[in-house]
N, C-alpha and C. Protein backbone atom coordinates (compact mmCIF):
# COMPACT_ATOMS: atom_id res chain seq x y z
N UNK A 1 -12.14 208.33 -78.39
CA UNK A 1 -12.06 208.62 -79.82
C UNK A 1 -13.38 208.27 -80.47
N UNK A 2 -13.69 208.86 -81.61
CA UNK A 2 -14.97 208.55 -82.27
C UNK A 2 -15.06 207.08 -82.65
N UNK A 3 -13.93 206.45 -82.91
CA UNK A 3 -13.95 205.04 -83.30
C UNK A 3 -14.39 204.15 -82.16
N UNK A 4 -14.21 204.58 -80.91
CA UNK A 4 -14.51 203.71 -79.78
C UNK A 4 -15.98 203.31 -79.73
N UNK A 5 -16.85 204.11 -80.35
CA UNK A 5 -18.26 203.74 -80.36
C UNK A 5 -18.50 202.48 -81.17
N UNK A 6 -17.64 202.22 -82.15
CA UNK A 6 -17.83 201.10 -83.04
C UNK A 6 -17.14 199.84 -82.57
N UNK A 7 -16.17 199.97 -81.70
CA UNK A 7 -15.36 198.82 -81.34
C UNK A 7 -15.76 198.28 -80.00
N UNK A 8 -15.73 196.97 -79.92
CA UNK A 8 -16.28 196.34 -78.76
C UNK A 8 -15.26 195.81 -77.78
N UNK A 9 -14.30 195.07 -78.26
CA UNK A 9 -13.38 194.39 -77.35
C UNK A 9 -12.00 194.36 -77.96
N UNK A 10 -11.04 194.31 -77.09
CA UNK A 10 -9.66 194.23 -77.53
C UNK A 10 -9.12 192.85 -77.21
N UNK A 11 -8.55 192.21 -78.20
CA UNK A 11 -7.86 190.94 -77.99
C UNK A 11 -6.39 191.21 -78.09
N UNK A 12 -5.62 190.75 -77.10
CA UNK A 12 -4.18 190.97 -77.15
C UNK A 12 -3.51 189.81 -77.86
N UNK A 13 -2.62 190.15 -78.77
CA UNK A 13 -1.88 189.13 -79.51
C UNK A 13 -0.44 189.57 -79.57
N UNK A 14 0.50 188.65 -79.47
CA UNK A 14 1.89 189.06 -79.54
C UNK A 14 2.24 189.57 -80.93
N UNK A 15 3.02 190.61 -80.96
CA UNK A 15 3.52 191.16 -82.22
C UNK A 15 4.90 190.56 -82.43
N UNK A 16 5.03 189.77 -83.49
CA UNK A 16 6.28 189.05 -83.73
C UNK A 16 7.48 189.98 -83.88
N UNK A 17 7.25 191.15 -84.46
CA UNK A 17 8.38 192.04 -84.74
C UNK A 17 8.97 192.63 -83.47
N UNK A 18 8.15 193.05 -82.55
CA UNK A 18 8.69 193.77 -81.40
C UNK A 18 8.60 192.99 -80.09
N UNK A 19 7.97 191.83 -80.12
CA UNK A 19 7.75 191.03 -78.93
C UNK A 19 6.87 191.72 -77.90
N UNK A 20 6.22 192.78 -78.32
CA UNK A 20 5.26 193.46 -77.46
C UNK A 20 3.86 192.96 -77.79
N UNK A 21 2.92 193.25 -76.90
CA UNK A 21 1.54 192.89 -77.17
C UNK A 21 0.89 194.02 -77.97
N UNK A 22 0.15 193.65 -79.01
CA UNK A 22 -0.60 194.64 -79.78
C UNK A 22 -2.07 194.36 -79.57
N UNK A 23 -2.87 195.37 -79.81
CA UNK A 23 -4.31 195.21 -79.64
C UNK A 23 -5.00 195.14 -80.98
N UNK A 24 -5.88 194.17 -81.09
CA UNK A 24 -6.71 194.03 -82.29
C UNK A 24 -8.14 194.23 -81.81
N UNK A 25 -8.81 195.20 -82.39
CA UNK A 25 -10.15 195.53 -81.91
C UNK A 25 -11.20 194.84 -82.77
N UNK A 26 -12.13 194.14 -82.12
CA UNK A 26 -13.15 193.38 -82.84
C UNK A 26 -14.54 193.95 -82.53
N UNK A 27 -15.21 194.54 -83.51
CA UNK A 27 -16.56 195.05 -83.26
C UNK A 27 -17.51 193.90 -82.89
N UNK A 28 -18.45 194.20 -82.02
CA UNK A 28 -19.43 193.21 -81.55
C UNK A 28 -20.12 192.52 -82.72
N UNK A 29 -20.60 193.30 -83.70
CA UNK A 29 -21.35 192.69 -84.80
C UNK A 29 -20.47 191.80 -85.67
N UNK A 30 -19.19 192.13 -85.81
CA UNK A 30 -18.29 191.26 -86.57
C UNK A 30 -18.19 189.92 -85.88
N UNK A 31 -18.06 189.96 -84.56
CA UNK A 31 -17.99 188.72 -83.77
C UNK A 31 -19.26 187.90 -83.99
N UNK A 32 -20.42 188.57 -83.93
CA UNK A 32 -21.68 187.85 -84.10
C UNK A 32 -21.86 187.34 -85.53
N UNK A 33 -21.36 188.08 -86.51
CA UNK A 33 -21.44 187.60 -87.89
C UNK A 33 -20.60 186.33 -88.07
N UNK A 34 -19.44 186.29 -87.43
CA UNK A 34 -18.61 185.08 -87.47
C UNK A 34 -19.36 183.91 -86.84
N UNK A 35 -20.00 184.16 -85.71
CA UNK A 35 -20.76 183.10 -85.05
C UNK A 35 -21.92 182.64 -85.91
N UNK A 36 -22.59 183.59 -86.57
CA UNK A 36 -23.71 183.25 -87.44
C UNK A 36 -23.26 182.33 -88.56
N UNK A 37 -22.14 182.66 -89.17
CA UNK A 37 -21.62 181.85 -90.27
C UNK A 37 -21.32 180.42 -89.79
N UNK A 38 -20.68 180.30 -88.64
CA UNK A 38 -20.38 178.96 -88.10
C UNK A 38 -21.65 178.22 -87.73
N UNK A 39 -22.55 178.90 -87.06
CA UNK A 39 -23.77 178.25 -86.57
C UNK A 39 -24.64 177.72 -87.68
N UNK A 40 -24.71 178.45 -88.78
CA UNK A 40 -25.56 178.02 -89.88
C UNK A 40 -24.97 176.83 -90.63
N UNK A 41 -23.66 176.64 -90.53
CA UNK A 41 -23.03 175.50 -91.20
C UNK A 41 -23.26 174.20 -90.43
N UNK A 42 -23.61 174.31 -89.16
CA UNK A 42 -23.71 173.12 -88.32
C UNK A 42 -22.33 172.83 -87.76
N UNK A 43 -22.27 172.50 -86.51
CA UNK A 43 -20.99 172.39 -85.84
C UNK A 43 -20.59 170.94 -85.64
N UNK A 44 -19.33 170.65 -85.90
CA UNK A 44 -18.80 169.32 -85.64
C UNK A 44 -19.59 168.25 -86.36
N UNK A 45 -20.20 167.38 -85.58
CA UNK A 45 -20.93 166.24 -86.15
C UNK A 45 -22.35 166.63 -86.58
N UNK A 46 -22.68 167.91 -86.50
CA UNK A 46 -23.99 168.37 -86.95
C UNK A 46 -25.10 168.23 -85.92
N UNK A 47 -24.76 167.86 -84.69
CA UNK A 47 -25.80 167.69 -83.66
C UNK A 47 -26.05 168.97 -82.88
N UNK A 48 -25.33 170.04 -83.22
CA UNK A 48 -25.53 171.34 -82.59
C UNK A 48 -25.54 172.39 -83.70
N UNK A 49 -26.53 173.28 -83.68
CA UNK A 49 -26.56 174.38 -84.64
C UNK A 49 -27.29 175.56 -84.01
N UNK A 50 -27.12 176.72 -84.64
CA UNK A 50 -27.82 177.91 -84.16
C UNK A 50 -27.87 178.94 -85.26
N UNK A 51 -28.82 179.87 -85.14
CA UNK A 51 -28.96 180.94 -86.11
C UNK A 51 -29.81 182.04 -85.52
N UNK A 52 -29.86 183.15 -86.26
CA UNK A 52 -30.64 184.30 -85.79
C UNK A 52 -32.13 184.06 -85.96
N UNK A 53 -32.91 184.60 -85.03
CA UNK A 53 -34.37 184.53 -85.13
C UNK A 53 -34.90 185.48 -86.19
N UNK A 54 -34.31 186.67 -86.26
CA UNK A 54 -34.82 187.71 -87.14
C UNK A 54 -33.66 188.31 -87.92
N UNK A 55 -33.59 188.00 -89.19
CA UNK A 55 -32.52 188.51 -90.04
C UNK A 55 -32.49 190.02 -90.16
N UNK A 56 -33.59 190.68 -89.79
CA UNK A 56 -33.65 192.14 -89.87
C UNK A 56 -33.19 192.82 -88.59
N UNK A 57 -32.90 192.06 -87.54
CA UNK A 57 -32.45 192.64 -86.27
C UNK A 57 -30.98 193.05 -86.40
N UNK A 58 -30.75 194.36 -86.62
CA UNK A 58 -29.39 194.82 -86.85
C UNK A 58 -28.50 194.65 -85.61
N UNK A 59 -29.12 194.46 -84.44
CA UNK A 59 -28.34 194.27 -83.21
C UNK A 59 -28.00 192.80 -82.96
N UNK A 60 -28.58 191.92 -83.76
CA UNK A 60 -28.28 190.48 -83.70
C UNK A 60 -28.44 189.92 -82.29
N UNK A 61 -29.58 190.18 -81.66
CA UNK A 61 -29.79 189.80 -80.27
C UNK A 61 -30.42 188.42 -80.08
N UNK A 62 -31.45 188.10 -80.86
CA UNK A 62 -32.24 186.89 -80.61
C UNK A 62 -31.81 185.75 -81.52
N UNK A 63 -31.49 184.62 -80.90
CA UNK A 63 -30.99 183.45 -81.63
C UNK A 63 -31.76 182.21 -81.20
N UNK A 64 -31.83 181.23 -82.09
CA UNK A 64 -32.38 179.92 -81.77
C UNK A 64 -31.27 178.90 -81.91
N UNK A 65 -31.14 178.04 -80.92
CA UNK A 65 -30.16 176.96 -80.97
C UNK A 65 -30.87 175.62 -81.00
N UNK A 66 -30.21 174.64 -81.57
CA UNK A 66 -30.74 173.27 -81.61
C UNK A 66 -29.65 172.32 -81.15
N UNK A 67 -30.04 171.40 -80.27
CA UNK A 67 -29.12 170.36 -79.80
C UNK A 67 -29.82 169.03 -79.96
N UNK A 68 -29.16 168.08 -80.62
CA UNK A 68 -29.69 166.72 -80.69
C UNK A 68 -29.06 165.95 -79.54
N UNK A 69 -29.92 165.34 -78.74
CA UNK A 69 -29.45 164.66 -77.53
C UNK A 69 -28.38 163.62 -77.78
N UNK A 70 -27.44 163.50 -76.82
CA UNK A 70 -26.31 162.58 -76.99
C UNK A 70 -26.69 161.11 -76.84
N UNK A 71 -25.89 160.26 -77.49
CA UNK A 71 -26.08 158.81 -77.39
C UNK A 71 -25.93 158.33 -75.95
N UNK A 72 -26.47 157.16 -75.68
CA UNK A 72 -26.37 156.52 -74.37
C UNK A 72 -26.89 157.40 -73.24
N UNK A 73 -27.96 158.13 -73.52
CA UNK A 73 -28.62 158.93 -72.49
C UNK A 73 -30.12 158.93 -72.81
N UNK A 74 -30.93 159.38 -71.85
CA UNK A 74 -32.38 159.46 -72.10
C UNK A 74 -32.68 160.52 -73.17
N UNK A 75 -31.70 161.33 -73.49
CA UNK A 75 -31.87 162.41 -74.48
C UNK A 75 -31.58 161.95 -75.90
N UNK A 76 -31.10 160.71 -76.06
CA UNK A 76 -30.67 160.23 -77.37
C UNK A 76 -31.76 160.40 -78.42
N UNK A 77 -31.38 161.05 -79.55
CA UNK A 77 -32.30 161.21 -80.66
C UNK A 77 -33.32 162.33 -80.51
N UNK A 78 -33.43 162.90 -79.32
CA UNK A 78 -34.37 164.02 -79.13
C UNK A 78 -33.76 165.30 -79.69
N UNK A 79 -34.63 166.15 -80.21
CA UNK A 79 -34.18 167.44 -80.72
C UNK A 79 -34.67 168.52 -79.76
N UNK A 80 -33.73 169.26 -79.20
CA UNK A 80 -34.05 170.32 -78.25
C UNK A 80 -33.83 171.68 -78.88
N UNK A 81 -34.84 172.56 -78.73
CA UNK A 81 -34.71 173.93 -79.21
C UNK A 81 -34.48 174.85 -78.03
N UNK A 82 -33.59 175.82 -78.23
CA UNK A 82 -33.26 176.79 -77.19
C UNK A 82 -33.34 178.19 -77.77
N UNK A 83 -33.51 179.15 -76.88
CA UNK A 83 -33.46 180.56 -77.25
C UNK A 83 -32.25 181.16 -76.54
N UNK A 84 -31.47 181.93 -77.30
CA UNK A 84 -30.32 182.63 -76.73
C UNK A 84 -30.53 184.12 -77.02
N UNK A 85 -30.25 184.94 -76.02
CA UNK A 85 -30.41 186.38 -76.19
C UNK A 85 -29.09 187.06 -75.86
N UNK A 86 -28.48 187.66 -76.88
CA UNK A 86 -27.19 188.35 -76.74
C UNK A 86 -27.45 189.84 -76.58
N UNK A 87 -27.38 190.31 -75.36
CA UNK A 87 -27.63 191.73 -75.11
C UNK A 87 -26.46 192.57 -75.62
N UNK A 88 -26.55 193.88 -75.45
CA UNK A 88 -25.53 194.78 -75.99
C UNK A 88 -24.14 194.54 -75.40
N UNK A 89 -24.07 193.90 -74.23
CA UNK A 89 -22.77 193.67 -73.59
C UNK A 89 -22.17 192.31 -73.94
N UNK A 90 -22.81 191.55 -74.83
CA UNK A 90 -22.22 190.32 -75.35
C UNK A 90 -21.09 190.70 -76.31
N UNK A 91 -19.96 190.06 -76.31
CA UNK A 91 -19.57 188.84 -75.61
C UNK A 91 -18.87 189.06 -74.26
N UNK A 92 -18.88 190.31 -73.76
CA UNK A 92 -18.31 190.53 -72.43
C UNK A 92 -19.08 189.76 -71.37
N UNK A 93 -20.39 189.70 -71.54
CA UNK A 93 -21.26 188.97 -70.62
C UNK A 93 -21.98 187.89 -71.42
N UNK A 94 -22.32 186.79 -70.77
CA UNK A 94 -22.96 185.69 -71.52
C UNK A 94 -24.37 186.05 -71.97
N UNK A 95 -24.84 185.35 -72.99
CA UNK A 95 -26.24 185.53 -73.36
C UNK A 95 -27.13 184.86 -72.31
N UNK A 96 -28.40 185.22 -72.30
CA UNK A 96 -29.34 184.44 -71.50
C UNK A 96 -29.73 183.26 -72.38
N UNK A 97 -29.87 182.10 -71.74
CA UNK A 97 -30.13 180.87 -72.46
C UNK A 97 -31.37 180.21 -71.84
N UNK A 98 -32.31 179.84 -72.71
CA UNK A 98 -33.55 179.23 -72.22
C UNK A 98 -33.94 178.11 -73.17
N UNK A 99 -34.24 176.95 -72.60
CA UNK A 99 -34.77 175.86 -73.40
C UNK A 99 -36.20 176.19 -73.78
N UNK A 100 -36.53 176.00 -75.06
CA UNK A 100 -37.92 176.11 -75.51
C UNK A 100 -38.56 174.72 -75.36
N UNK A 101 -37.82 173.70 -75.76
CA UNK A 101 -38.28 172.32 -75.58
C UNK A 101 -38.18 171.97 -74.09
N UNK A 102 -39.19 171.28 -73.60
CA UNK A 102 -39.13 170.86 -72.19
C UNK A 102 -38.01 169.85 -72.00
N UNK A 103 -37.27 170.02 -70.90
CA UNK A 103 -36.17 169.12 -70.57
C UNK A 103 -36.02 169.09 -69.07
N UNK A 104 -35.59 167.96 -68.56
CA UNK A 104 -35.30 167.82 -67.14
C UNK A 104 -33.79 167.69 -67.00
N UNK A 105 -33.15 168.78 -66.53
CA UNK A 105 -31.71 168.81 -66.29
C UNK A 105 -31.45 169.60 -65.02
N UNK A 106 -30.37 169.26 -64.35
CA UNK A 106 -30.07 169.90 -63.06
C UNK A 106 -29.78 171.40 -63.18
N UNK A 107 -29.36 171.88 -64.35
CA UNK A 107 -29.02 173.30 -64.50
C UNK A 107 -30.15 174.12 -65.14
N UNK A 108 -31.30 173.48 -65.39
CA UNK A 108 -32.40 174.15 -66.06
C UNK A 108 -33.57 174.34 -65.11
N UNK A 109 -34.09 175.57 -65.05
CA UNK A 109 -35.25 175.86 -64.21
C UNK A 109 -36.45 175.08 -64.75
N UNK A 110 -37.09 174.30 -63.88
CA UNK A 110 -38.16 173.39 -64.30
C UNK A 110 -39.43 174.10 -64.73
N UNK A 111 -39.60 175.37 -64.31
CA UNK A 111 -40.80 176.10 -64.70
C UNK A 111 -40.61 176.98 -65.93
N UNK A 112 -39.41 177.56 -66.08
CA UNK A 112 -39.19 178.54 -67.15
C UNK A 112 -38.32 178.02 -68.29
N UNK A 113 -37.53 176.99 -68.03
CA UNK A 113 -36.61 176.49 -69.04
C UNK A 113 -35.29 177.24 -69.08
N UNK A 114 -35.13 178.24 -68.23
CA UNK A 114 -33.90 179.04 -68.22
C UNK A 114 -32.74 178.21 -67.70
N UNK A 115 -31.62 178.29 -68.40
CA UNK A 115 -30.39 177.65 -67.93
C UNK A 115 -29.84 178.57 -66.86
N UNK A 116 -29.77 178.06 -65.62
CA UNK A 116 -29.40 178.89 -64.48
C UNK A 116 -27.88 179.03 -64.39
N UNK A 117 -27.38 180.26 -64.56
CA UNK A 117 -25.93 180.48 -64.57
C UNK A 117 -25.21 179.89 -63.35
N UNK A 118 -25.82 179.97 -62.18
CA UNK A 118 -25.16 179.46 -60.97
C UNK A 118 -24.98 177.94 -61.01
N UNK A 119 -25.76 177.28 -61.86
CA UNK A 119 -25.71 175.82 -61.94
C UNK A 119 -25.05 175.32 -63.23
N UNK A 120 -24.55 176.25 -64.05
CA UNK A 120 -23.95 175.89 -65.33
C UNK A 120 -22.65 176.68 -65.48
N UNK A 121 -21.53 175.97 -65.34
CA UNK A 121 -20.21 176.61 -65.21
C UNK A 121 -19.86 177.55 -66.35
N UNK A 122 -20.22 177.20 -67.59
CA UNK A 122 -19.87 178.07 -68.73
C UNK A 122 -20.46 179.47 -68.52
N UNK A 123 -21.67 179.55 -68.02
CA UNK A 123 -22.30 180.85 -67.81
C UNK A 123 -21.79 181.54 -66.55
N UNK A 124 -21.57 180.77 -65.49
CA UNK A 124 -21.12 181.40 -64.24
C UNK A 124 -19.66 181.82 -64.30
N UNK A 125 -18.87 181.16 -65.12
CA UNK A 125 -17.44 181.51 -65.27
C UNK A 125 -17.18 182.02 -66.69
N UNK A 126 -18.07 182.84 -67.20
CA UNK A 126 -18.02 183.30 -68.58
C UNK A 126 -16.70 183.98 -68.92
N UNK A 127 -16.20 183.66 -70.11
CA UNK A 127 -15.03 184.34 -70.68
C UNK A 127 -15.41 184.80 -72.07
N UNK A 128 -14.90 185.94 -72.48
CA UNK A 128 -15.32 186.50 -73.78
C UNK A 128 -14.97 185.62 -74.96
N UNK A 129 -14.04 184.68 -74.80
CA UNK A 129 -13.69 183.78 -75.89
C UNK A 129 -14.79 182.75 -76.14
N UNK A 130 -15.64 182.52 -75.12
CA UNK A 130 -16.72 181.56 -75.28
C UNK A 130 -17.72 182.10 -76.31
N UNK A 131 -18.42 181.18 -76.95
CA UNK A 131 -19.40 181.55 -77.97
C UNK A 131 -20.70 180.80 -77.71
N UNK A 132 -21.69 181.07 -78.53
CA UNK A 132 -22.94 180.31 -78.44
C UNK A 132 -22.67 178.84 -78.72
N UNK A 133 -21.73 178.58 -79.62
CA UNK A 133 -21.33 177.20 -79.89
C UNK A 133 -20.80 176.53 -78.62
N UNK A 134 -19.97 177.25 -77.87
CA UNK A 134 -19.43 176.72 -76.62
C UNK A 134 -20.56 176.33 -75.68
N UNK A 135 -21.56 177.21 -75.56
CA UNK A 135 -22.69 176.95 -74.67
C UNK A 135 -23.46 175.71 -75.10
N UNK A 136 -23.79 175.63 -76.39
CA UNK A 136 -24.60 174.51 -76.87
C UNK A 136 -23.86 173.18 -76.78
N UNK A 137 -22.58 173.17 -77.13
CA UNK A 137 -21.83 171.91 -77.03
C UNK A 137 -21.66 171.50 -75.57
N UNK A 138 -21.51 172.48 -74.68
CA UNK A 138 -21.39 172.16 -73.25
C UNK A 138 -22.72 171.65 -72.70
N UNK A 139 -23.83 172.22 -73.16
CA UNK A 139 -25.15 171.71 -72.73
C UNK A 139 -25.34 170.27 -73.19
N UNK A 140 -24.88 169.95 -74.38
CA UNK A 140 -24.97 168.58 -74.87
C UNK A 140 -24.15 167.64 -73.97
N UNK A 141 -22.95 168.08 -73.59
CA UNK A 141 -22.12 167.28 -72.67
C UNK A 141 -22.81 167.12 -71.32
N UNK A 142 -23.47 168.19 -70.89
CA UNK A 142 -24.18 168.16 -69.60
C UNK A 142 -25.34 167.15 -69.64
N UNK A 143 -25.98 167.02 -70.80
CA UNK A 143 -27.06 166.04 -70.95
C UNK A 143 -26.54 164.62 -70.71
N UNK A 144 -25.29 164.38 -71.10
CA UNK A 144 -24.69 163.05 -70.99
C UNK A 144 -24.02 162.83 -69.63
N UNK A 145 -23.92 163.89 -68.81
CA UNK A 145 -23.26 163.77 -67.51
C UNK A 145 -24.08 162.86 -66.59
N UNK A 146 -23.40 162.19 -65.65
CA UNK A 146 -24.09 161.22 -64.78
C UNK A 146 -25.35 161.77 -64.09
N UNK A 147 -25.32 163.04 -63.67
CA UNK A 147 -26.48 163.60 -62.96
C UNK A 147 -27.68 163.87 -63.87
N UNK A 148 -27.49 163.81 -65.19
CA UNK A 148 -28.58 164.12 -66.12
C UNK A 148 -28.95 163.01 -67.09
N UNK A 149 -28.05 162.09 -67.36
CA UNK A 149 -28.28 161.19 -68.50
C UNK A 149 -29.39 160.17 -68.29
N UNK A 150 -29.84 159.98 -67.03
CA UNK A 150 -30.91 159.01 -66.79
C UNK A 150 -32.17 159.64 -66.21
N UNK A 151 -32.20 160.97 -66.08
CA UNK A 151 -33.37 161.63 -65.50
C UNK A 151 -34.60 161.42 -66.37
N UNK A 152 -35.73 161.18 -65.73
CA UNK A 152 -37.00 161.05 -66.45
C UNK A 152 -37.28 162.37 -67.16
N UNK A 153 -37.67 162.28 -68.43
CA UNK A 153 -37.89 163.47 -69.25
C UNK A 153 -39.37 163.71 -69.53
N UNK A 154 -39.73 164.98 -69.73
CA UNK A 154 -41.11 165.28 -70.14
C UNK A 154 -41.37 164.66 -71.51
N UNK A 155 -42.64 164.52 -71.90
CA UNK A 155 -42.93 163.94 -73.21
C UNK A 155 -42.26 164.75 -74.32
N UNK A 156 -41.77 164.04 -75.32
CA UNK A 156 -41.13 164.71 -76.45
C UNK A 156 -42.16 165.60 -77.15
N UNK A 157 -41.70 166.76 -77.62
CA UNK A 157 -42.62 167.67 -78.33
C UNK A 157 -43.40 168.58 -77.40
N UNK A 158 -43.02 168.66 -76.11
CA UNK A 158 -43.67 169.61 -75.20
C UNK A 158 -42.70 170.78 -74.98
N UNK A 159 -43.31 171.95 -74.66
CA UNK A 159 -42.52 173.18 -74.61
C UNK A 159 -42.79 173.98 -73.35
N UNK A 160 -41.80 174.79 -72.99
CA UNK A 160 -41.94 175.72 -71.86
C UNK A 160 -42.79 176.90 -72.32
């Protein structure tokens, strides 16, 4: 149908009246606009946020994320900047995620800053319900995980 060009994904929800499943279609850009609104408000305790790089990009592809390192880790108080790229198949497929700030973590490529999907469960087991917020909050948890919380870090203020 002509409408199919505009609609991105179907979420199934029970219909109370008939007990059947109905489909609610959510356009990709509506989903990203919802994420933009949440990201700009700051999430939870305010230690994770994200927003678009270019307000004129009608495809809403390039995003910058910020994570403030968790307490009781070598990351405490550090501010990490990341780049997220949501291609046309987002949210069916995860965005590519790359640290701009240098960081030493087991799931991050030491030369490029790319968060390696095979080493980061959220990306390797992606589900369309996940969001950029999910990724950033999970990366913050990963910073505090035993394998990362004591790793020697590059000097603060250095970038990939």
